[in-house]
Amino acid sequence: MKNEMLLEQRSKQEKLFKNYLSEISSAYQEMADFRHDYRNLLLTLKLKIEVTGDKELKVSFRKARELVKILKK
């Protein structure tokens, strides 16, 4: 009886742990996808600035890059 309860409790803990790992993995993948998309956006903006010489866009680009540096700390 006691062993059955222990096995059931362990099974529940394993299931919770697997769900937790799955959620962490999913969150990590979402963050990686976001970083990828954000880098592509910044690259596109940089190329647009180089081609057009748009000064307002250049200021916005600098601010975005500064934010990235702050967030990396």
N, C-alpha and C. Protein backbone atom coordinates (compact mmCIF):
# COMPACT_ATOMS: atom_id res chain seq x y z
N MET A 1 0.82 -1.19 0.00
CA MET A 1 0.00 0.00 0.00
C MET A 1 0.87 1.26 0.00
N LYS A 2 1.84 1.29 0.92
CA LYS A 2 2.73 2.44 1.00
C LYS A 2 3.56 2.58 -0.27
N ASN A 3 4.04 1.45 -0.78
CA ASN A 3 4.82 1.47 -2.02
C ASN A 3 4.00 1.98 -3.19
N GLU A 4 2.74 1.59 -3.24
CA GLU A 4 1.86 2.05 -4.33
C GLU A 4 1.68 3.56 -4.27
N MET A 5 1.51 4.08 -3.06
CA MET A 5 1.35 5.53 -2.90
C MET A 5 2.62 6.26 -3.31
N LEU A 6 3.76 5.71 -2.94
CA LEU A 6 5.04 6.32 -3.31
C LEU A 6 5.23 6.30 -4.83
N LEU A 7 4.88 5.18 -5.45
CA LEU A 7 5.00 5.08 -6.90
C LEU A 7 4.06 6.06 -7.60
N GLU A 8 2.86 6.20 -7.07
CA GLU A 8 1.89 7.13 -7.66
C GLU A 8 2.38 8.57 -7.51
N GLN A 9 2.91 8.89 -6.34
CA GLN A 9 3.43 10.23 -6.11
C GLN A 9 4.62 10.51 -7.03
N ARG A 10 5.49 9.55 -7.18
CA ARG A 10 6.65 9.72 -8.05
C ARG A 10 6.20 9.90 -9.51
N SER A 11 5.21 9.14 -9.92
CA SER A 11 4.68 9.25 -11.28
C SER A 11 4.11 10.66 -11.52
N LYS A 12 3.40 11.18 -10.54
CA LYS A 12 2.84 12.54 -10.67
C LYS A 12 3.96 13.57 -10.75
N GLN A 13 4.99 13.41 -9.93
CA GLN A 13 6.12 14.34 -9.95
C GLN A 13 6.84 14.29 -11.29
N GLU A 14 7.01 13.09 -11.83
CA GLU A 14 7.68 12.96 -13.13
C GLU A 14 6.86 13.63 -14.22
N LYS A 15 5.55 13.46 -14.16
CA LYS A 15 4.67 14.08 -15.16
C LYS A 15 4.75 15.61 -15.06
N LEU A 16 4.72 16.14 -13.84
CA LEU A 16 4.84 17.59 -13.64
C LEU A 16 6.18 18.10 -14.15
N PHE A 17 7.25 17.35 -13.87
CA PHE A 17 8.58 17.75 -14.30
C PHE A 17 8.68 17.74 -15.83
N LYS A 18 8.11 16.74 -16.46
CA LYS A 18 8.12 16.69 -17.93
C LYS A 18 7.35 17.87 -18.53
N ASN A 19 6.22 18.20 -17.93
CA ASN A 19 5.45 19.36 -18.40
C ASN A 19 6.25 20.65 -18.23
N TYR A 20 6.92 20.77 -17.09
CA TYR A 20 7.75 21.93 -16.82
C TYR A 20 8.87 22.06 -17.86
N LEU A 21 9.55 20.96 -18.12
CA LEU A 21 10.63 20.97 -19.13
C LEU A 21 10.09 21.33 -20.51
N SER A 22 8.92 20.83 -20.84
CA SER A 22 8.31 21.13 -22.12
C SER A 22 7.99 22.62 -22.24
N GLU A 23 7.48 23.21 -21.17
CA GLU A 23 7.17 24.64 -21.18
C GLU A 23 8.42 25.48 -21.30
N ILE A 24 9.48 25.09 -20.59
CA ILE A 24 10.74 25.83 -20.68
C ILE A 24 11.32 25.72 -22.08
N SER A 25 11.27 24.54 -22.65
CA SER A 25 11.78 24.34 -24.01
C SER A 25 11.01 25.19 -25.01
N SER A 26 9.71 25.23 -24.85
CA SER A 26 8.86 26.03 -25.73
C SER A 26 9.19 27.52 -25.60
N ALA A 27 9.33 27.98 -24.37
CA ALA A 27 9.66 29.40 -24.13
C ALA A 27 11.02 29.74 -24.72
N TYR A 28 11.98 28.84 -24.58
CA TYR A 28 13.31 29.05 -25.13
C TYR A 28 13.25 29.15 -26.66
N GLN A 29 12.48 28.28 -27.28
CA GLN A 29 12.36 28.30 -28.73
C GLN A 29 11.69 29.59 -29.21
N GLU A 30 10.67 30.04 -28.49
CA GLU A 30 10.01 31.30 -28.85
C GLU A 30 11.00 32.46 -28.76
N MET A 31 11.83 32.46 -27.72
CA MET A 31 12.82 33.53 -27.56
C MET A 31 13.86 33.46 -28.67
N ALA A 32 14.30 32.28 -29.02
CA ALA A 32 15.27 32.13 -30.10
C ALA A 32 14.68 32.60 -31.42
N ASP A 33 13.42 32.28 -31.68
CA ASP A 33 12.75 32.73 -32.90
C ASP A 33 12.64 34.25 -32.92
N PHE A 34 12.30 34.84 -31.77
CA PHE A 34 12.20 36.29 -31.69
C PHE A 34 13.54 36.95 -31.97
N ARG A 35 14.61 36.44 -31.33
CA ARG A 35 15.94 37.02 -31.56
C ARG A 35 16.32 36.94 -33.04
N HIS A 36 16.03 35.82 -33.67
CA HIS A 36 16.32 35.64 -35.09
C HIS A 36 15.58 36.69 -35.92
N ASP A 37 14.29 36.82 -35.66
CA ASP A 37 13.48 37.78 -36.41
C ASP A 37 13.94 39.21 -36.16
N TYR A 38 14.29 39.51 -34.90
CA TYR A 38 14.72 40.87 -34.55
C TYR A 38 16.05 41.20 -35.23
N ARG A 39 16.97 40.25 -35.27
CA ARG A 39 18.24 40.49 -35.96
C ARG A 39 18.01 40.74 -37.45
N ASN A 40 17.10 39.98 -38.05
CA ASN A 40 16.79 40.19 -39.46
C ASN A 40 16.19 41.57 -39.68
N LEU A 41 15.33 42.00 -38.77
CA LEU A 41 14.74 43.33 -38.87
C LEU A 41 15.81 44.41 -38.79
N LEU A 42 16.73 44.27 -37.84
CA LEU A 42 17.81 45.26 -37.71
C LEU A 42 18.71 45.27 -38.94
N LEU A 43 18.98 44.11 -39.49
CA LEU A 43 19.80 44.04 -40.70
C LEU A 43 19.10 44.74 -41.86
N THR A 44 17.81 44.51 -41.99
CA THR A 44 17.03 45.17 -43.05
C THR A 44 17.05 46.68 -42.87
N LEU A 45 16.86 47.14 -41.63
CA LEU A 45 16.89 48.59 -41.37
C LEU A 45 18.27 49.17 -41.70
N LYS A 46 19.31 48.45 -41.32
CA LYS A 46 20.67 48.93 -41.60
C LYS A 46 20.89 49.08 -43.11
N LEU A 47 20.46 48.10 -43.87
CA LEU A 47 20.61 48.18 -45.33
C LEU A 47 19.78 49.32 -45.91
N LYS A 48 18.58 49.51 -45.39
CA LYS A 48 17.71 50.60 -45.85
C LYS A 48 18.38 51.95 -45.57
N ILE A 49 18.99 52.09 -44.40
CA ILE A 49 19.68 53.33 -44.04
C ILE A 49 20.85 53.56 -44.99
N GLU A 50 21.61 52.52 -45.27
CA GLU A 50 22.76 52.66 -46.17
C GLU A 50 22.33 53.08 -47.56
N VAL A 51 21.21 52.53 -48.03
CA VAL A 51 20.74 52.83 -49.38
C VAL A 51 20.11 54.22 -49.47
N THR A 52 19.30 54.57 -48.47
CA THR A 52 18.53 55.82 -48.55
C THR A 52 19.19 56.99 -47.83
N GLY A 53 20.02 56.70 -46.83
CA GLY A 53 20.62 57.77 -46.04
C GLY A 53 19.60 58.45 -45.13
N ASP A 54 18.50 57.79 -44.84
CA ASP A 54 17.42 58.34 -44.00
C ASP A 54 17.95 58.60 -42.59
N LYS A 55 18.00 59.90 -42.21
CA LYS A 55 18.58 60.27 -40.92
C LYS A 55 17.67 59.89 -39.75
N GLU A 56 16.36 60.03 -39.90
CA GLU A 56 15.44 59.65 -38.82
C GLU A 56 15.52 58.14 -38.56
N LEU A 57 15.59 57.40 -39.62
CA LEU A 57 15.70 55.95 -39.49
C LEU A 57 17.02 55.57 -38.83
N LYS A 58 18.06 56.32 -39.15
CA LYS A 58 19.37 56.07 -38.55
C LYS A 58 19.33 56.28 -37.04
N VAL A 59 18.64 57.33 -36.59
CA VAL A 59 18.50 57.61 -35.16
C VAL A 59 17.73 56.47 -34.49
N SER A 60 16.64 56.05 -35.10
CA SER A 60 15.85 54.94 -34.55
C SER A 60 16.67 53.66 -34.48
N PHE A 61 17.45 53.43 -35.50
CA PHE A 61 18.30 52.25 -35.55
C PHE A 61 19.31 52.26 -34.41
N ARG A 62 19.93 53.42 -34.19
CA ARG A 62 20.90 53.55 -33.10
C ARG A 62 20.25 53.26 -31.74
N LYS A 63 19.04 53.81 -31.55
CA LYS A 63 18.33 53.59 -30.29
C LYS A 63 18.01 52.10 -30.09
N ALA A 64 17.62 51.44 -31.15
CA ALA A 64 17.32 50.01 -31.06
C ALA A 64 18.57 49.22 -30.71
N ARG A 65 19.68 49.57 -31.30
CA ARG A 65 20.94 48.87 -31.01
C ARG A 65 21.39 49.12 -29.59
N GLU A 66 21.18 50.35 -29.09
CA GLU A 66 21.54 50.66 -27.70
C GLU A 66 20.68 49.82 -26.75
N LEU A 67 19.40 49.67 -27.08
CA LEU A 67 18.51 48.86 -26.25
C LEU A 67 18.98 47.42 -26.21
N VAL A 68 19.41 46.90 -27.35
CA VAL A 68 19.92 45.53 -27.40
C VAL A 68 21.14 45.38 -26.51
N LYS A 69 22.03 46.36 -26.53
CA LYS A 69 23.22 46.30 -25.68
C LYS A 69 22.84 46.30 -24.21
N ILE A 70 21.85 47.12 -23.84
CA ILE A 70 21.39 47.19 -22.45
C ILE A 70 20.79 45.86 -22.04
N LEU A 71 20.00 45.26 -22.90
CA LEU A 71 19.32 44.01 -22.58
C LEU A 71 20.29 42.84 -22.46
N LYS A 72 21.44 42.92 -23.12
CA LYS A 72 22.44 41.85 -23.05
C LYS A 72 23.17 41.83 -21.72
N LYS A 73 23.11 42.92 -20.97
CA LYS A 73 23.83 42.99 -19.68
C LYS A 73 23.18 42.13 -18.65
